[in-house]
Amino acid sequence: MLYRLAFCCLMLLSATGVCTAAPAVEAAASALSVPALSLTIYDDFALVRDRRTFTLVAGEQSLLFPSISAGIQPETALLTGAGLQVLEQVFAYDILTPQSLLERFVGREVEVMAIHPVTGERRFEKAMLLSVSGGVVVRIGDRIATVPPDRIVLPSLPPSLRDRPTLSILVSSDDAGKRSLQLSYLTDGLSWQADYVAELAPDSTRLDLGAWVTLRNESGADYRQARVQLVAGEVHRESGGGGRELMLKSQARAMAAAPAVRREKLFGYHLYSLPRPVTLLRKEHKQVALLQANGVACRRELVLRGRGDYYSTRVGEIGARQGVAEVLVLKNSEDAGLGMPLPAGTVRVYSRDSAGGLQFVGEDRMAHIPEGGEVHLALGTSFDVTARRTQVDFKKLSGFSPYNYVYESGYRITVNNAGETARTVQVEEQIPGDWTILEESLPHVRTDSRTASWSVQVPAEGSSVLTYRVRVKY
C-alpha cells in the first residue's frame, strides 16, 4: 500500500490531483537537434519552416514534430528531404488537461481514493467512472456517488493525449542514417504590424521618422532564434503622458543603432527581412526596429473637406463652425529623405514646445505607401481656423425619369482665421455625379472625378470667402 501510494503521489497532476501511470515510450523517431526556424509573417498568419535532424531507419517509420503551432493548418504541411516518401500524417492537437484526461476514462474502471478524516489513512476502491460533465460521478459497487476530481486514480495515460501539439508523419526512407528534414506549414496566431513615431521640427518642414514592428504570437508555440521575414501587402486566402517622451527618445536611439532591415519585392508584395534572429515566445508581443530616417521633408496643410449629400437637396445652412483639419504631408522619395516602401501602420507625431519638452500632437493610420507615394496624416482639427458653409441657392432643373436628374446649387464658404499668422486652406468638395462648376470666386482644380479643390488664402485675424455654383447630373 505504501509503495502504491508513493507512486500515485509522484504521478500526481498538480492541477487536479488526478493520478496516472507513466506513459509508454512511443515507437517513433524524434529530432536529434534543436529546430532551426524561419518565419514569414503576414498580416494575421505565417509560414513556418522548421528544420530538424533525425536518425532514420530504412523503411517505414513515424517522425514526431512536437511543439509545433497549435494553429497549424495540417493540410498545408510539407515535409521535404532527399530519399523520403511521405505516407500519412496525424496532427495531435488534443492536449493533456485534467478534463481531457478524465473524459478518456468515462465508462471505464478507475480507482477512488478515500482519506480517513482522523488518521489520514488512504485507501482505494475500484469504481466505474460514469460522467465528468459538471462534476465527477462514479459507481462503487451498487452505489452512485459524486467525488472530487483529485480523488480519482487512473490506470494509464491515453496515447492520444499529448502535453503539447505534435505532428506525427509516417514516412518511408530509402536508407538509414542521419537526415536533415524541413517541415513547412501555414499557421494562424502569428501577426505583425508597423508603428511609426515622428518628431516634427519647430518649423514643421522636417521630421525624424522611426518605425517599429510589433510581432504577436498567439499560436501556442515558442519560436527561438528564428529568422523572421515580414510581408506587406494584401495576400488573398480562401476563407474557410511623460513616459511617452522617454519611450520615444529611447526608441529613436535604439533604431539609429539597429542593423538595417533588408527589403525586396516578392510577387506583388514587399518582403522585409529582419537582420538578426528573433526569439518569440507564446503569448508574447515583441517590438523590433524596422527603420530610422532623419530630416525627412514635410509640410503642413489645412484642409476643409465637404460632403456629397447636399447637392441634390435644399439644405440652407450646412455648418456654422466647421472644423478644418491639420494635415501633415510627406513625400516618400529619396529627395525628401525616404524613398522606401512603407508598410501600413499608425503614425504618432510629437513636437517640442518652447521649453524644449516633447508633446504629442496627433496620430493617423496610413495605408501601404510605395516608393514615390505621398503620405497624408490628419493629426487633428485647427483651433484658430474654422469655416462656415452655406447653400445660398438650389434648383431642380429636371428629374422626370430615374436616370435623368439635374440640380443646380450655389454655395458660400467663409473661412475665419483667429491666429496671428496668415494661413492657406485647401477646400475640397466631394461632388457626386457628372458635375460642372458654372461660377466661382477662385479657380478650382479637379483633383479627381469627385473632387473640386480650391486654395483659399486667409489673412491673420481675418477671413476669406469662397463662392461657387455647380450643376450636377445623375
Protein backbone atom coordinates (compact mmCIF):
# COMPACT_ATOMS: atom_id res chain seq x y z
CA MET A 1 0.00 0.00 0.00
CA LEU A 2 2.81 2.46 0.87
CA TYR A 3 4.55 1.79 -2.45
CA ARG A 4 1.30 2.25 -4.32
CA LEU A 5 0.59 5.49 -2.51
CA ALA A 6 4.10 6.84 -3.13
CA PHE A 7 3.85 6.00 -6.83
CA CYS A 8 0.50 7.76 -7.09
CA CYS A 9 1.80 10.89 -5.39
CA LEU A 10 4.79 11.01 -7.74
CA MET A 11 2.45 10.93 -10.73
CA LEU A 12 0.01 13.42 -9.25
CA LEU A 13 -1.16 16.04 -11.73
CA SER A 14 -0.81 19.32 -9.88
CA ALA A 15 -3.90 20.95 -11.36
CA THR A 16 -6.39 18.35 -10.13
CA GLY A 17 -4.60 15.58 -8.32
CA VAL A 18 -5.72 13.04 -10.91
CA CYS A 19 -3.16 10.20 -10.87
CA THR A 20 -1.98 8.13 -13.82
CA ALA A 21 0.68 5.60 -14.57
CA ALA A 22 3.74 6.65 -16.60
CA PRO A 23 3.19 6.87 -20.40
CA ALA A 24 4.70 4.24 -22.67
CA VAL A 25 7.56 5.22 -24.99
CA GLU A 26 6.23 5.88 -28.49
CA ALA A 27 7.86 3.94 -31.27
CA ALA A 28 8.76 6.94 -33.41
CA ALA A 29 11.86 8.88 -34.37
CA SER A 30 12.35 12.18 -32.54
CA ALA A 31 14.57 15.02 -33.66
CA LEU A 32 18.21 14.92 -32.59
CA SER A 33 18.81 18.68 -32.71
CA VAL A 34 17.18 21.96 -31.73
CA PRO A 35 14.88 23.12 -34.56
CA ALA A 36 16.22 25.74 -36.98
CA LEU A 37 13.24 28.02 -37.52
CA SER A 38 12.32 30.55 -40.18
CA LEU A 39 9.09 32.57 -40.10
CA THR A 40 7.45 34.55 -42.87
CA ILE A 41 4.72 36.54 -41.13
CA TYR A 42 1.77 38.06 -42.97
CA ASP A 43 -1.00 40.27 -41.52
CA ASP A 44 -2.65 37.52 -39.47
CA PHE A 45 -0.95 34.23 -40.35
CA ALA A 46 2.54 32.90 -41.02
CA LEU A 47 4.57 30.39 -42.98
CA VAL A 48 6.75 28.33 -40.62
CA ARG A 49 9.83 26.48 -41.87
CA ASP A 50 11.05 24.06 -39.20
CA ARG A 51 14.32 22.19 -39.93
CA ARG A 52 15.31 19.25 -37.69
CA THR A 53 17.77 16.36 -37.88
CA PHE A 54 16.51 12.78 -37.48
CA THR A 55 18.15 9.36 -37.33
CA LEU A 56 16.20 7.29 -39.83
CA VAL A 57 15.98 3.57 -40.43
CA ALA A 58 15.43 2.06 -43.83
CA GLY A 59 11.73 1.53 -44.48
CA GLU A 60 8.66 2.92 -42.76
CA GLN A 61 8.74 4.93 -39.53
CA SER A 62 6.92 7.78 -37.80
CA LEU A 63 8.63 11.14 -37.33
CA LEU A 64 7.50 13.29 -34.42
CA PHE A 65 7.41 17.09 -34.62
CA PRO A 66 6.44 18.21 -31.10
CA SER A 67 5.99 21.84 -30.03
CA ILE A 68 4.62 22.96 -33.39
CA SER A 69 2.00 25.67 -33.60
CA ALA A 70 -1.43 24.82 -32.22
CA GLY A 71 -2.84 26.97 -35.03
CA ILE A 72 -1.27 24.87 -37.78
CA GLN A 73 -3.31 24.18 -40.88
CA PRO A 74 -2.39 20.49 -41.23
CA GLU A 75 -3.39 20.32 -44.88
CA THR A 76 -0.61 22.82 -45.70
CA ALA A 77 2.18 20.77 -44.09
CA LEU A 78 5.03 19.84 -46.45
CA LEU A 79 7.98 17.64 -45.37
CA THR A 80 11.00 17.74 -47.65
CA GLY A 81 14.18 15.68 -47.62
CA ALA A 82 16.19 13.51 -50.00
CA GLY A 83 15.20 9.85 -50.31
CA LEU A 84 11.98 10.28 -48.32
CA GLN A 85 8.37 9.50 -49.17
CA VAL A 86 5.52 10.79 -47.00
CA LEU A 87 2.75 8.22 -46.49
CA GLU A 88 0.42 9.85 -43.95
CA GLN A 89 0.38 12.44 -41.18
CA VAL A 90 -1.56 12.95 -37.96
CA PHE A 91 -1.86 16.23 -36.08
CA ALA A 92 -2.42 15.52 -32.38
CA TYR A 93 -3.99 18.70 -31.02
CA ASP A 94 -5.98 17.10 -28.18
CA ILE A 95 -3.79 18.46 -25.39
CA LEU A 96 -3.41 16.85 -21.99
CA THR A 97 -5.57 18.66 -19.43
CA PRO A 98 -7.30 17.38 -16.28
CA GLN A 99 -10.66 17.48 -18.05
CA SER A 100 -9.50 15.78 -21.27
CA LEU A 101 -7.77 13.10 -19.19
CA LEU A 102 -10.93 12.29 -17.21
CA GLU A 103 -13.09 12.29 -20.35
CA ARG A 104 -10.99 9.47 -21.82
CA PHE A 105 -11.99 7.16 -18.95
CA VAL A 106 -15.76 7.67 -18.92
CA GLY A 107 -17.32 4.19 -18.90
CA ARG A 108 -14.08 2.57 -17.72
CA GLU A 109 -12.83 1.29 -14.41
CA VAL A 110 -10.85 3.66 -12.20
CA GLU A 111 -9.98 3.89 -8.52
CA VAL A 112 -11.31 6.33 -5.96
CA MET A 113 -9.01 7.40 -3.13
CA ALA A 114 -10.64 7.83 0.29
CA ILE A 115 -8.87 9.63 3.17
CA HIS A 116 -9.78 8.92 6.80
CA PRO A 117 -10.74 12.25 8.41
CA VAL A 118 -8.93 11.46 11.69
CA THR A 119 -5.96 9.25 10.90
CA GLY A 120 -5.36 10.48 7.37
CA GLU A 121 -5.09 6.90 6.14
CA ARG A 122 -5.70 6.47 2.43
CA ARG A 123 -7.46 3.55 0.83
CA PHE A 124 -8.52 2.82 -2.74
CA GLU A 125 -11.77 1.43 -4.10
CA LYS A 126 -12.49 0.29 -7.62
CA ALA A 127 -15.23 2.28 -9.32
CA MET A 128 -16.83 2.87 -12.71
CA LEU A 129 -16.47 6.44 -14.00
CA LEU A 130 -19.94 7.44 -15.23
CA SER A 131 -19.69 11.16 -16.02
CA VAL A 132 -17.34 14.14 -15.78
CA SER A 133 -19.77 16.79 -17.06
CA GLY A 134 -20.19 19.42 -14.36
CA GLY A 135 -18.61 17.10 -11.77
CA VAL A 136 -17.34 13.55 -11.37
CA VAL A 137 -19.94 10.78 -10.97
CA VAL A 138 -18.87 7.21 -10.17
CA ARG A 139 -20.47 3.88 -9.35
CA ILE A 140 -18.87 1.97 -6.48
CA GLY A 141 -20.48 -1.45 -6.29
CA ASP A 142 -24.22 -0.75 -6.27
CA ARG A 143 -23.81 2.84 -5.04
CA ILE A 144 -23.70 6.07 -7.10
CA ALA A 145 -21.52 8.88 -5.75
CA THR A 146 -20.03 12.21 -6.70
CA VAL A 147 -16.39 12.72 -5.80
CA PRO A 148 -13.82 15.48 -6.18
CA PRO A 149 -11.62 15.08 -9.28
CA ASP A 150 -8.50 14.89 -7.12
CA ARG A 151 -9.73 11.59 -5.61
CA ILE A 152 -9.70 9.78 -8.97
CA VAL A 153 -6.77 7.47 -9.76
CA LEU A 154 -6.39 6.49 -13.41
CA PRO A 155 -4.54 3.38 -14.62
CA SER A 156 -2.59 4.96 -17.51
CA LEU A 157 -2.05 7.98 -19.74
CA PRO A 158 -4.01 7.67 -23.03
CA PRO A 159 -1.63 7.73 -26.01
CA SER A 160 -3.91 10.13 -27.90
CA LEU A 161 -3.29 12.90 -25.35
CA ARG A 162 -0.11 14.93 -25.54
CA ASP A 163 1.35 17.65 -23.39
CA ARG A 164 1.88 19.86 -26.47
CA PRO A 165 0.69 19.97 -30.10
CA THR A 166 2.51 17.31 -32.11
CA LEU A 167 2.59 16.39 -35.78
CA SER A 168 3.34 12.71 -36.46
CA ILE A 169 4.35 11.92 -40.04
CA LEU A 170 4.63 8.37 -41.36
CA VAL A 171 7.43 8.21 -43.92
CA SER A 172 9.35 5.65 -45.91
CA SER A 173 13.11 6.14 -46.16
CA ASP A 174 15.36 4.69 -48.86
CA ASP A 175 18.21 4.10 -46.43
CA ALA A 176 19.24 4.57 -42.80
CA GLY A 177 21.26 7.41 -41.29
CA LYS A 178 21.03 10.99 -40.10
CA ARG A 179 18.93 13.25 -42.27
CA SER A 180 18.16 16.97 -42.13
CA LEU A 181 14.45 17.45 -42.91
CA GLN A 182 12.36 20.59 -43.27
CA LEU A 183 8.70 20.85 -42.30
CA SER A 184 6.86 23.82 -43.79
CA TYR A 185 3.30 24.81 -42.89
CA LEU A 186 0.90 27.72 -42.58
CA THR A 187 -0.39 28.67 -39.16
CA ASP A 188 -2.79 31.13 -37.61
CA GLY A 189 -1.90 33.04 -34.47
CA LEU A 190 1.16 34.92 -35.72
CA SER A 191 0.83 38.52 -36.91
CA TRP A 192 2.70 41.78 -37.20
CA GLN A 193 2.02 45.47 -37.53
CA ALA A 194 4.13 48.56 -38.12
CA ASP A 195 4.02 51.59 -35.82
CA TYR A 196 5.76 54.87 -36.53
CA VAL A 197 6.97 57.66 -34.24
CA ALA A 198 7.85 61.05 -35.72
CA GLU A 199 9.41 64.14 -34.13
CA LEU A 200 8.38 67.26 -36.02
CA ALA A 201 10.80 70.18 -36.33
CA PRO A 202 9.60 73.53 -34.86
CA ASP A 203 9.02 74.99 -38.35
CA SER A 204 7.10 71.86 -39.46
CA THR A 205 9.28 71.41 -42.56
CA ARG A 206 11.29 68.38 -41.37
CA LEU A 207 10.74 65.37 -39.17
CA ASP A 208 12.64 62.38 -37.82
CA LEU A 209 10.72 59.19 -38.57
CA GLY A 210 11.26 55.86 -36.86
CA ALA A 211 9.33 52.62 -37.40
CA TRP A 212 8.86 49.64 -35.13
CA VAL A 213 7.44 46.24 -35.96
CA THR A 214 5.28 44.61 -33.30
CA LEU A 215 5.29 40.81 -33.56
CA ARG A 216 2.42 38.95 -31.85
CA ASN A 217 2.45 35.26 -31.02
CA GLU A 218 -0.90 33.68 -30.17
CA SER A 219 -0.11 30.39 -31.94
CA GLY A 220 0.55 28.30 -28.82
CA ALA A 221 4.20 27.58 -29.69
CA ASP A 222 7.59 29.13 -28.93
CA TYR A 223 9.94 30.22 -31.70
CA ARG A 224 13.53 30.53 -30.54
CA GLN A 225 16.22 32.23 -32.58
CA ALA A 226 14.02 32.29 -35.66
CA ARG A 227 14.87 34.08 -38.86
CA VAL A 228 11.92 36.41 -39.46
CA GLN A 229 10.60 37.93 -42.68
CA LEU A 230 7.55 40.17 -42.96
CA VAL A 231 5.25 40.50 -45.96
CA ALA A 232 3.49 43.82 -46.60
CA GLY A 233 0.52 43.58 -48.95
CA GLU A 234 -2.91 42.03 -49.23
CA VAL A 235 -2.40 38.29 -49.76
CA HIS A 236 -5.58 36.50 -50.87
CA ARG A 237 -6.61 33.50 -48.82
CA GLU A 238 -9.63 31.33 -49.43
CA SER A 239 -11.91 31.70 -46.41
CA GLY A 240 -12.94 28.58 -44.57
CA GLY A 241 2.00 61.32 -20.91
CA GLY A 242 5.69 61.85 -19.59
CA GLY A 243 6.55 58.23 -20.07
CA ARG A 244 5.82 58.54 -23.79
CA GLU A 245 8.55 61.16 -24.24
CA LEU A 246 11.09 58.88 -22.58
CA MET A 247 9.86 55.98 -24.71
CA LEU A 248 10.27 57.99 -27.91
CA LYS A 249 13.81 59.07 -27.05
CA SER A 250 14.94 55.57 -26.21
CA GLN A 251 13.27 54.15 -29.33
CA ALA A 252 14.97 56.69 -31.57
CA ARG A 253 18.39 55.89 -30.11
CA ALA A 254 17.79 52.15 -30.45
CA MET A 255 16.65 52.41 -34.05
CA ALA A 256 19.53 54.65 -35.09
CA ALA A 257 21.97 51.96 -33.96
CA ALA A 258 19.98 48.97 -35.25
CA PRO A 259 21.17 46.98 -38.29
CA ALA A 260 19.32 47.77 -41.49
CA VAL A 261 16.30 45.73 -42.49
CA ARG A 262 16.66 44.21 -45.95
CA ARG A 263 13.79 44.92 -48.35
CA GLU A 264 12.89 43.26 -51.63
CA LYS A 265 9.93 42.80 -53.94
CA LEU A 266 8.08 39.49 -53.83
CA PHE A 267 5.37 38.89 -56.43
CA GLY A 268 3.15 41.98 -55.92
CA TYR A 269 4.21 42.48 -52.31
CA HIS A 270 7.18 43.75 -50.32
CA LEU A 271 9.31 41.46 -48.16
CA TYR A 272 11.20 42.79 -45.14
CA SER A 273 13.93 40.57 -43.65
CA LEU A 274 14.92 41.34 -40.06
CA PRO A 275 18.71 41.45 -39.70
CA ARG A 276 19.06 39.20 -36.65
CA PRO A 277 17.30 36.12 -35.24
CA VAL A 278 14.29 36.75 -33.02
CA THR A 279 13.01 34.71 -30.09
CA LEU A 280 9.22 34.99 -29.92
CA LEU A 281 7.58 33.09 -27.09
CA ARG A 282 3.89 32.14 -26.87
CA LYS A 283 1.58 34.91 -25.64
CA GLU A 284 4.36 37.41 -26.31
CA HIS A 285 4.35 40.74 -28.11
CA LYS A 286 7.79 41.91 -29.19
CA GLN A 287 8.94 45.13 -30.86
CA VAL A 288 11.79 45.15 -33.37
CA ALA A 289 13.30 48.22 -35.06
CA LEU A 290 12.33 48.49 -38.73
CA LEU A 291 13.76 51.81 -39.97
CA GLN A 292 15.01 55.25 -38.94
CA ALA A 293 15.01 58.24 -41.29
CA ASN A 294 16.09 61.69 -40.08
CA GLY A 295 15.41 65.06 -41.66
CA VAL A 296 12.50 63.91 -43.83
CA ALA A 297 10.94 66.83 -45.72
CA CYS A 298 7.28 67.52 -44.92
CA ARG A 299 4.70 70.28 -44.94
CA ARG A 300 1.59 71.24 -43.02
CA GLU A 301 -1.72 71.76 -44.74
CA LEU A 302 -5.10 72.98 -43.54
CA VAL A 303 -7.89 71.07 -45.26
CA LEU A 304 -11.63 71.71 -45.19
CA ARG A 305 -13.45 68.70 -46.60
CA GLY A 306 -17.05 68.76 -47.73
CA ARG A 307 -19.61 66.02 -48.23
CA GLY A 308 -21.59 64.91 -51.25
CA ASP A 309 -25.06 64.77 -49.71
CA TYR A 310 -26.20 68.39 -50.13
CA TYR A 311 -26.01 68.74 -53.93
CA SER A 312 -29.38 67.10 -54.58
CA THR A 313 -31.49 68.73 -51.88
CA ARG A 314 -32.24 72.12 -50.34
CA VAL A 315 -30.39 72.46 -47.04
CA GLY A 316 -29.57 76.15 -46.40
CA GLU A 317 -27.09 76.37 -43.52
CA ILE A 318 -24.73 73.37 -43.66
CA GLY A 319 -22.37 74.20 -40.82
CA ALA A 320 -21.79 77.37 -38.78
CA ARG A 321 -18.43 76.38 -37.24
CA GLN A 322 -16.90 73.56 -39.22
CA GLY A 323 -13.55 72.11 -38.26
CA VAL A 324 -10.51 72.48 -40.50
CA ALA A 325 -8.14 69.50 -40.42
CA GLU A 326 -4.44 69.85 -39.62
CA VAL A 327 -2.75 67.56 -42.15
CA LEU A 328 0.93 66.63 -42.33
CA VAL A 329 2.14 65.68 -45.82
CA LEU A 330 5.40 63.95 -46.70
CA LYS A 331 6.69 62.52 -49.95
CA ASN A 332 8.10 59.01 -49.90
CA SER A 333 11.09 59.77 -52.10
CA GLU A 334 14.88 59.82 -51.78
CA ASP A 335 14.91 63.59 -52.37
CA ALA A 336 12.63 64.02 -49.36
CA GLY A 337 14.76 61.71 -47.18
CA LEU A 338 12.76 58.47 -47.52
CA GLY A 339 12.36 56.51 -50.74
CA MET A 340 11.46 53.04 -49.44
CA PRO A 341 8.21 51.03 -49.38
CA LEU A 342 6.43 51.83 -46.11
CA PRO A 343 4.12 49.16 -44.64
CA ALA A 344 0.73 50.27 -43.34
CA GLY A 345 0.66 51.40 -39.73
CA THR A 346 -0.21 54.11 -37.26
CA VAL A 347 1.99 57.22 -37.25
CA ARG A 348 2.25 59.11 -33.95
CA VAL A 349 3.64 62.63 -34.23
CA TYR A 350 5.39 64.65 -31.50
CA SER A 351 6.64 68.22 -31.44
CA ARG A 352 8.65 70.28 -28.95
CA ASP A 353 7.19 73.22 -27.03
CA SER A 354 9.03 76.48 -26.29
CA ALA A 355 10.70 74.92 -23.25
CA GLY A 356 12.03 72.01 -25.30
CA GLY A 357 9.57 69.47 -23.94
CA LEU A 358 8.21 66.86 -26.32
CA GLN A 359 4.41 66.95 -26.78
CA PHE A 360 2.07 64.59 -28.60
CA VAL A 361 0.30 66.44 -31.44
CA GLY A 362 -1.72 63.69 -33.12
CA GLU A 363 -1.78 60.36 -34.91
CA ASP A 364 -3.26 58.84 -38.03
CA ARG A 365 -3.15 55.48 -39.78
CA MET A 366 -1.63 55.25 -43.21
CA ALA A 367 -2.04 52.57 -45.84
CA HIS A 368 0.87 50.82 -47.57
CA ILE A 369 2.83 53.60 -49.29
CA PRO A 370 5.01 52.63 -52.26
CA GLU A 371 8.18 54.47 -53.13
CA GLY A 372 7.20 57.78 -54.73
CA GLY A 373 3.80 57.96 -52.98
CA GLU A 374 2.58 60.68 -50.63
CA VAL A 375 1.60 60.28 -47.01
CA HIS A 376 -1.27 62.44 -45.71
CA LEU A 377 -1.69 62.36 -41.93
CA ALA A 378 -4.77 64.02 -40.45
CA LEU A 379 -3.49 64.89 -36.97
CA GLY A 380 -6.42 66.86 -35.60
CA THR A 381 -8.60 69.94 -36.03
CA SER A 382 -7.26 73.50 -36.06
CA PHE A 383 -8.16 75.63 -33.03
CA ASP A 384 -7.76 79.01 -34.77
CA VAL A 385 -9.10 78.28 -38.25
CA THR A 386 -12.81 77.46 -38.72
CA ALA A 387 -15.30 77.64 -41.55
CA ARG A 388 -18.96 78.36 -42.21
CA ARG A 389 -20.58 76.62 -45.17
CA THR A 390 -23.95 77.78 -46.55
CA GLN A 391 -26.07 76.72 -49.51
CA VAL A 392 -27.29 80.03 -50.96
CA ASP A 393 -29.36 78.68 -53.86
CA PHE A 394 -30.85 75.38 -55.05
CA LYS A 395 -32.80 74.43 -58.20
CA LYS A 396 -34.03 71.14 -59.57
CA LEU A 397 -33.76 71.53 -63.33
CA SER A 398 -35.08 68.11 -64.36
CA GLY A 399 -35.99 64.78 -62.84
CA PHE A 400 -38.67 63.06 -64.87
CA SER A 401 -37.01 59.65 -65.02
CA PRO A 402 -34.86 57.67 -62.57
CA TYR A 403 -31.81 58.29 -64.76
CA ASN A 404 -32.14 61.99 -65.55
CA TYR A 405 -31.79 64.22 -62.51
CA VAL A 406 -30.17 67.65 -62.89
CA TYR A 407 -29.60 70.02 -59.97
CA GLU A 408 -28.02 73.45 -59.77
CA SER A 409 -26.90 74.93 -56.47
CA GLY A 410 -24.74 77.74 -55.11
CA TYR A 411 -22.52 77.82 -52.01
CA ARG A 412 -20.69 80.32 -49.83
CA ILE A 413 -17.80 79.17 -47.64
CA THR A 414 -16.38 81.67 -45.15
CA VAL A 415 -13.03 80.74 -43.63
CA ASN A 416 -12.06 82.50 -40.39
CA ASN A 417 -8.54 82.74 -39.00
CA ALA A 418 -8.16 83.83 -35.37
CA GLY A 419 -4.40 83.23 -35.42
CA GLU A 420 -1.58 85.71 -35.74
CA THR A 421 -0.25 84.15 -38.95
CA ALA A 422 -1.84 84.10 -42.41
CA ARG A 423 -2.83 80.57 -43.45
CA THR A 424 -3.75 78.76 -46.65
CA VAL A 425 -6.74 76.42 -46.53
CA GLN A 426 -7.40 73.73 -49.12
CA VAL A 427 -11.16 73.46 -49.59
CA GLU A 428 -12.04 70.04 -51.00
CA GLU A 429 -15.65 69.49 -52.07
CA GLN A 430 -16.85 65.96 -52.77
CA ILE A 431 -19.29 66.42 -55.67
CA PRO A 432 -21.24 63.37 -56.91
CA GLY A 433 -22.40 62.53 -60.41
CA ASP A 434 -21.42 64.42 -63.57
CA TRP A 435 -20.66 67.95 -62.38
CA THR A 436 -19.67 71.30 -63.87
CA ILE A 437 -18.58 74.42 -61.99
CA LEU A 438 -20.58 77.31 -63.50
CA GLU A 439 -19.29 80.22 -61.43
CA GLU A 440 -16.55 80.62 -58.81
CA SER A 441 -14.72 83.37 -56.96
CA LEU A 442 -11.41 81.44 -57.08
CA PRO A 443 -10.17 78.95 -59.69
CA HIS A 444 -10.64 75.28 -58.78
CA VAL A 445 -8.62 72.18 -59.57
CA ARG A 446 -10.37 68.91 -60.42
CA THR A 447 -8.21 66.58 -58.33
CA ASP A 448 -10.29 63.53 -59.30
CA SER A 449 -13.71 62.72 -60.76
CA ARG A 450 -15.47 63.52 -57.48
CA THR A 451 -13.36 66.31 -56.01
CA ALA A 452 -13.04 70.02 -56.70
CA SER A 453 -10.29 71.78 -54.75
CA TRP A 454 -9.73 75.49 -54.05
CA SER A 455 -6.73 77.13 -52.39
CA VAL A 456 -8.00 79.90 -50.12
CA GLN A 457 -5.59 82.46 -48.60
CA VAL A 458 -6.80 83.62 -45.20
CA PRO A 459 -5.16 86.65 -43.54
CA ALA A 460 -4.13 86.69 -39.90
CA GLU A 461 -7.05 87.55 -37.61
CA GLY A 462 -9.25 87.83 -40.67
CA SER A 463 -11.46 85.85 -43.04
CA SER A 464 -11.86 84.96 -46.70
CA VAL A 465 -14.94 83.97 -48.68
CA LEU A 466 -15.17 81.34 -51.43
CA THR A 467 -18.31 81.16 -53.57
CA TYR A 468 -19.16 78.74 -56.35
CA ARG A 469 -22.11 77.48 -58.34
CA VAL A 470 -22.30 73.92 -59.66
CA ARG A 471 -24.57 71.87 -61.93
CA VAL A 472 -24.85 68.14 -61.10
CA LYS A 473 -26.32 65.42 -63.29
CA TYR A 474 -27.22 61.95 -62.02
